[in-house]
Structure formats: structure tokens, C-alpha cells
């Protein structure tokens, strides 16, 4: 199985890019939004590894409970089954984190340079009631990306206008 990560700041177009790439490659996408919450933006990673990556790496289908964001606040939702794909795309903030870098076949960084436009797009996507959460999230991710040095390790950088 080939493993691709699509990472970058929120509101940059990662989901759209990953969906197009998945269609092109016949890949399966697992979004980090299925795991992350407003209060737990990155430490959920061991659950993704244990529930998704480990089974797939061993040739077994994966199964996990996704976060349900329909109420604007995450709660555990439906079970998702992931058959073993030829290509798996992990999409979302921290998908290309340093701890998985050695296992990635490709790390793709997607960025819309203007932070105000990213916030506008994220609010348009998630609703006005998410604005303050998104502002805190974007402040967190700036620090995360600076420490993790994600962009500098990307194999491909996609700048969105």
C-alpha cells in the first residue's frame, strides 16, 4: 500500500485537493477531521495508527469510529470500515507529521497564503458559530507547523490562489 499525506493550514483546500487526487489515483481518503477535535488537534494520532494504519499495513481492513461534526462540536459518530487500498491518502492538519514521515510515499503541502482568506473559507465551510474555534485552531496550527517543520519536508507544495 502506498501512503500519501495531504497537509497544510485549515481553509487552504486540502480536502478538495485530496478528493481530486484520490479520484485520479483510485485512492481511499481518511481525513484527520475524523479524529481531531477542537480540544485535541493532534494527540489523537495513536488512534489513527492503531485503528487504520497498522491493520492496513498488515493487509487487513481497518475500522474506526469517526468524529461527527454535524452539531458543530465533535462527538464520536459512526463506524468507518476501510478496505485495504492500493493507495491511502491521509488528509488534514498534521497528516504529514514528522512521526510518520519515514513511512510516507509522498507528503503534499497545500497552502493558501492569505490567513484571512483561509479563515473566511473555513468559516464558510463550518459555519459562523465555528469562527472563534477556527481562530484558536489556526493559532495552534501555526505553532504546530513551526515546530514540526512540516512544509520543509513536503515532496510537493501546492499553492492555492
C-alpha atoms as a PDB file:
ATOM      1  CA  UNK A   1       0.000   0.000   0.000  1.00  0.00           C
ATOM      2  CA  UNK A   2       1.252   3.466  -0.916  1.00  0.00           C
ATOM      3  CA  UNK A   3       0.721   6.118   1.748  1.00  0.00           C
ATOM      4  CA  UNK A   4       0.255   9.789   0.811  1.00  0.00           C
ATOM      5  CA  UNK A   5      -0.338  12.682   3.218  1.00  0.00           C
ATOM      6  CA  UNK A   6      -2.038  15.929   2.214  1.00  0.00           C
ATOM      7  CA  UNK A   7      -1.275  18.531   4.884  1.00  0.00           C
ATOM      8  CA  UNK A   8      -1.362  22.305   5.316  1.00  0.00           C
ATOM      9  CA  UNK A   9      -3.261  25.046   7.135  1.00  0.00           C
ATOM     10  CA  UNK A  10      -7.028  24.886   7.592  1.00  0.00           C
ATOM     11  CA  UNK A  11      -9.033  26.566   4.861  1.00  0.00           C
ATOM     12  CA  UNK A  12      -6.330  26.009   2.231  1.00  0.00           C
ATOM     13  CA  UNK A  13      -8.191  23.470   0.088  1.00  0.00           C
ATOM     14  CA  UNK A  14      -6.634  20.202   1.323  1.00  0.00           C
ATOM     15  CA  UNK A  15      -9.904  18.270   1.199  1.00  0.00           C
ATOM     16  CA  UNK A  16     -10.652  19.397  -2.352  1.00  0.00           C
ATOM     17  CA  UNK A  17      -7.113  18.599  -3.467  1.00  0.00           C
ATOM     18  CA  UNK A  18      -7.153  15.185  -1.758  1.00  0.00           C
ATOM     19  CA  UNK A  19     -10.521  14.298  -3.329  1.00  0.00           C
ATOM     20  CA  UNK A  20      -9.215  15.109  -6.819  1.00  0.00           C
ATOM     21  CA  UNK A  21      -6.007  13.178  -6.173  1.00  0.00           C
ATOM     22  CA  UNK A  22      -7.979  10.201  -4.848  1.00  0.00           C
ATOM     23  CA  UNK A  23     -10.121  10.155  -7.969  1.00  0.00           C
ATOM     24  CA  UNK A  24      -7.022  10.349 -10.160  1.00  0.00           C
ATOM     25  CA  UNK A  25      -5.223   7.538  -8.282  1.00  0.00           C
ATOM     26  CA  UNK A  26      -8.223   5.402  -7.334  1.00  0.00           C
ATOM     27  CA  UNK A  27      -7.193   6.021  -3.719  1.00  0.00           C
ATOM     28  CA  UNK A  28      -9.025   5.944  -0.405  1.00  0.00           C
ATOM     29  CA  UNK A  29      -9.051   9.092   1.754  1.00  0.00           C
ATOM     30  CA  UNK A  30      -9.056   9.119   5.555  1.00  0.00           C
ATOM     31  CA  UNK A  31      -9.473  12.696   6.841  1.00  0.00           C
ATOM     32  CA  UNK A  32      -7.826  13.779  10.078  1.00  0.00           C
ATOM     33  CA  UNK A  33     -11.160  15.511  10.827  1.00  0.00           C
ATOM     34  CA  UNK A  34     -12.427  12.002  11.570  1.00  0.00           C
ATOM     35  CA  UNK A  35     -10.092  12.014  14.606  1.00  0.00           C
ATOM     36  CA  UNK A  36      -9.262  15.585  15.669  1.00  0.00           C
ATOM     37  CA  UNK A  37     -11.406  17.780  17.897  1.00  0.00           C
ATOM     38  CA  UNK A  38     -11.285  21.456  18.848  1.00  0.00           C
ATOM     39  CA  UNK A  39      -9.636  20.500  22.146  1.00  0.00           C
ATOM     40  CA  UNK A  40      -7.453  17.698  20.746  1.00  0.00           C
ATOM     41  CA  UNK A  41      -5.968  18.936  17.486  1.00  0.00           C
ATOM     42  CA  UNK A  42      -3.091  16.424  17.185  1.00  0.00           C
ATOM     43  CA  UNK A  43      -2.662  13.974  20.099  1.00  0.00           C
ATOM     44  CA  UNK A  44      -5.287  11.577  18.680  1.00  0.00           C
ATOM     45  CA  UNK A  45      -2.634  10.258  16.246  1.00  0.00           C
ATOM     46  CA  UNK A  46      -2.023   6.914  18.066  1.00  0.00           C
ATOM     47  CA  UNK A  47      -5.690   6.029  17.441  1.00  0.00           C
ATOM     48  CA  UNK A  48      -5.269   6.587  13.685  1.00  0.00           C
ATOM     49  CA  UNK A  49      -2.125   4.447  13.686  1.00  0.00           C
ATOM     50  CA  UNK A  50      -3.689   1.633  15.741  1.00  0.00           C
ATOM     51  CA  UNK A  51      -7.130   1.611  14.108  1.00  0.00           C
ATOM     52  CA  UNK A  52      -6.253   2.473  10.496  1.00  0.00           C
ATOM     53  CA  UNK A  53      -2.588   2.265   9.550  1.00  0.00           C
ATOM     54  CA  UNK A  54      -1.484  -0.844  11.452  1.00  0.00           C
ATOM     55  CA  UNK A  55      -4.286  -3.082  10.136  1.00  0.00           C
ATOM     56  CA  UNK A  56      -3.805  -1.809   6.567  1.00  0.00           C
ATOM     57  CA  UNK A  57      -0.023  -2.281   6.729  1.00  0.00           C
ATOM     58  CA  UNK A  58      -0.712  -5.899   7.747  1.00  0.00           C
ATOM     59  CA  UNK A  59      -3.126  -6.454   4.856  1.00  0.00           C
ATOM     60  CA  UNK A  60      -6.298  -6.309   6.972  1.00  0.00           C
ATOM     61  CA  UNK A  61      -9.214  -3.925   6.617  1.00  0.00           C
ATOM     62  CA  UNK A  62      -9.307  -1.100   9.124  1.00  0.00           C
ATOM     63  CA  UNK A  63     -12.207   0.016  11.292  1.00  0.00           C
ATOM     64  CA  UNK A  64     -12.543   3.169  13.364  1.00  0.00           C
ATOM     65  CA  UNK A  65     -15.155   5.492  14.823  1.00  0.00           C
ATOM     66  CA  UNK A  66     -15.152   8.874  13.186  1.00  0.00           C
ATOM     67  CA  UNK A  67     -15.892  12.185  14.806  1.00  0.00           C
ATOM     68  CA  UNK A  68     -19.327  13.530  13.933  1.00  0.00           C
ATOM     69  CA  UNK A  69     -19.200  17.302  13.412  1.00  0.00           C
ATOM     70  CA  UNK A  70     -22.846  17.789  12.360  1.00  0.00           C
ATOM     71  CA  UNK A  71     -23.712  19.686  15.564  1.00  0.00           C
ATOM     72  CA  UNK A  72     -20.676  21.980  15.207  1.00  0.00           C
ATOM     73  CA  UNK A  73     -18.918  20.225  18.085  1.00  0.00           C
ATOM     74  CA  UNK A  74     -17.275  16.823  17.632  1.00  0.00           C
ATOM     75  CA  UNK A  75     -18.618  13.653  19.198  1.00  0.00           C
ATOM     76  CA  UNK A  76     -17.971  10.004  18.394  1.00  0.00           C
ATOM     77  CA  UNK A  77     -20.082   9.014  15.445  1.00  0.00           C
ATOM     78  CA  UNK A  78     -20.411   6.153  13.002  1.00  0.00           C
ATOM     79  CA  UNK A  79     -18.011   3.314  12.418  1.00  0.00           C
ATOM     80  CA  UNK A  80     -15.989   3.518   9.214  1.00  0.00           C
ATOM     81  CA  UNK A  81     -14.514   0.464   7.514  1.00  0.00           C
ATOM     82  CA  UNK A  82     -11.515   0.927   5.226  1.00  0.00           C
ATOM     83  CA  UNK A  83     -10.739  -1.988   2.891  1.00  0.00           C
ATOM     84  CA  UNK A  84      -7.043  -2.388   2.065  1.00  0.00           C
ATOM     85  CA  UNK A  85      -6.407   0.126  -0.755  1.00  0.00           C
ATOM     86  CA  UNK A  86      -3.575   0.355  -3.252  1.00  0.00           C
ATOM     87  CA  UNK A  87      -3.171   3.995  -2.181  1.00  0.00           C
ATOM     88  CA  UNK A  88      -4.275   5.558   1.100  1.00  0.00           C
ATOM     89  CA  UNK A  89      -4.413   9.341   1.427  1.00  0.00           C
ATOM     90  CA  UNK A  90      -4.414  10.808   4.928  1.00  0.00           C
ATOM     91  CA  UNK A  91      -5.771  14.328   4.551  1.00  0.00           C
ATOM     92  CA  UNK A  92      -5.755  17.143   7.062  1.00  0.00           C
ATOM     93  CA  UNK A  93      -3.760  19.202   9.504  1.00  0.00           C
ATOM     94  CA  UNK A  94      -0.833  17.121  10.823  1.00  0.00           C
ATOM     95  CA  UNK A  95      -1.273  14.305   8.265  1.00  0.00           C
ATOM     96  CA  UNK A  96       2.384  14.617   7.198  1.00  0.00           C
ATOM     97  CA  UNK A  97       3.710  14.979  10.742  1.00  0.00           C
ATOM     98  CA  UNK A  98       7.332  14.142  11.440  1.00  0.00           C
ATOM     99  CA  UNK A  99       6.453  10.884  13.248  1.00  0.00           C
ATOM    100  CA  UNK A 100       5.033   9.327  10.039  1.00  0.00           C
ATOM    101  CA  UNK A 101       7.469  10.892   7.558  1.00  0.00           C
ATOM    102  CA  UNK A 102       9.590   7.757   7.090  1.00  0.00           C
ATOM    103  CA  UNK A 103       6.501   5.700   6.175  1.00  0.00           C
ATOM    104  CA  UNK A 104       5.082   8.186   3.650  1.00  0.00           C
ATOM    105  CA  UNK A 105       5.496   7.617  -0.057  1.00  0.00           C
ATOM    106  CA  UNK A 106       4.636  11.273  -0.621  1.00  0.00           C
ATOM    107  CA  UNK A 107       3.940  14.314   1.554  1.00  0.00           C
ATOM    108  CA  UNK A 108       1.975  17.096  -0.109  1.00  0.00           C
ATOM    109  CA  UNK A 109       1.662  20.560   1.407  1.00  0.00           C
ATOM    110  CA  UNK A 110      -1.388  22.581   0.294  1.00  0.00           C
ATOM    111  CA  UNK A 111      -1.428  26.245   1.231  1.00  0.00           C
ATOM    112  CA  UNK A 112      -3.482  29.326   0.583  1.00  0.00           C
ATOM    113  CA  UNK A 113      -1.005  32.033   1.690  1.00  0.00           C
ATOM    114  CA  UNK A 114      -3.527  34.618   2.978  1.00  0.00           C
ATOM    115  CA  UNK A 115      -4.563  33.706   6.560  1.00  0.00           C
ATOM    116  CA  UNK A 116      -7.641  35.971   6.439  1.00  0.00           C
ATOM    117  CA  UNK A 117      -8.871  34.233   3.292  1.00  0.00           C
ATOM    118  CA  UNK A 118      -8.224  30.825   4.901  1.00  0.00           C
ATOM    119  CA  UNK A 119     -10.313  31.885   7.902  1.00  0.00           C
ATOM    120  CA  UNK A 120     -13.081  33.195   5.630  1.00  0.00           C
ATOM    121  CA  UNK A 121     -13.158  29.909   3.699  1.00  0.00           C
ATOM    122  CA  UNK A 122     -13.099  27.804   6.884  1.00  0.00           C
ATOM    123  CA  UNK A 123     -15.985  29.812   8.383  1.00  0.00           C
ATOM    124  CA  UNK A 124     -17.920  29.471   5.112  1.00  0.00           C
ATOM    125  CA  UNK A 125     -17.373  25.712   5.309  1.00  0.00           C
ATOM    126  CA  UNK A 126     -18.010  25.188   9.039  1.00  0.00           C
ATOM    127  CA  UNK A 127     -20.458  27.989   9.856  1.00  0.00           C
ATOM    128  CA  UNK A 128     -20.226  31.321  11.656  1.00  0.00           C
ATOM    129  CA  UNK A 129     -20.600  29.679  15.081  1.00  0.00           C
ATOM    130  CA  UNK A 130     -17.215  27.990  14.463  1.00  0.00           C
ATOM    131  CA  UNK A 131     -15.304  31.271  13.911  1.00  0.00           C
ATOM    132  CA  UNK A 132     -13.756  31.530  17.402  1.00  0.00           C
ATOM    133  CA  UNK A 133     -12.848  27.829  17.417  1.00  0.00           C
ATOM    134  CA  UNK A 134     -11.250  28.253  14.000  1.00  0.00           C
ATOM    135  CA  UNK A 135      -9.236  31.277  15.142  1.00  0.00           C
ATOM    136  CA  UNK A 136      -7.843  29.231  18.064  1.00  0.00           C
ATOM    137  CA  UNK A 137      -7.259  26.275  15.735  1.00  0.00           C
ATOM    138  CA  UNK A 138      -5.346  28.421  13.253  1.00  0.00           C
ATOM    139  CA  UNK A 139      -3.190  29.866  16.046  1.00  0.00           C
ATOM    140  CA  UNK A 140      -2.450  26.314  17.231  1.00  0.00           C
ATOM    141  CA  UNK A 141      -1.606  25.041  13.756  1.00  0.00           C
ATOM    142  CA  UNK A 142       0.857  27.899  13.135  1.00  0.00           C
ATOM    143  CA  UNK A 143       2.794  26.737  16.191  1.00  0.00           C
ATOM    144  CA  UNK A 144       2.432  23.073  15.258  1.00  0.00           C
ATOM    145  CA  UNK A 145       3.757  23.591  11.740  1.00  0.00           C
ATOM    146  CA  UNK A 146       6.662  25.707  13.014  1.00  0.00           C
ATOM    147  CA  UNK A 147       7.755  23.010  15.479  1.00  0.00           C
ATOM    148  CA  UNK A 148       7.016  20.014  13.220  1.00  0.00           C
ATOM    149  CA  UNK A 149       8.606  21.793  10.220  1.00  0.00           C
ATOM    150  CA  UNK A 150       6.027  20.104   8.011  1.00  0.00           C
ATOM    151  CA  UNK A 151       6.237  22.284   4.907  1.00  0.00           C
ATOM    152  CA  UNK A 152      10.005  21.951   4.524  1.00  0.00           C
ATOM    153  CA  UNK A 153       9.692  18.148   4.409  1.00  0.00           C
ATOM    154  CA  UNK A 154       6.967  18.116   1.732  1.00  0.00           C
ATOM    155  CA  UNK A 155       7.703  16.329  -1.525  1.00  0.00           C
ATOM    156  CA  UNK A 156       5.255  18.593  -3.335  1.00  0.00           C
ATOM    157  CA  UNK A 157       3.978  22.065  -2.481  1.00  0.00           C
ATOM    158  CA  UNK A 158       0.674  23.247  -3.910  1.00  0.00           C
ATOM    159  CA  UNK A 159      -0.045  26.967  -3.594  1.00  0.00           C
ATOM    160  CA  UNK A 160      -3.750  27.784  -3.926  1.00  0.00           C
ATOM    161  CA  UNK A 161      -4.924  31.175  -5.090  1.00  0.00           C
END
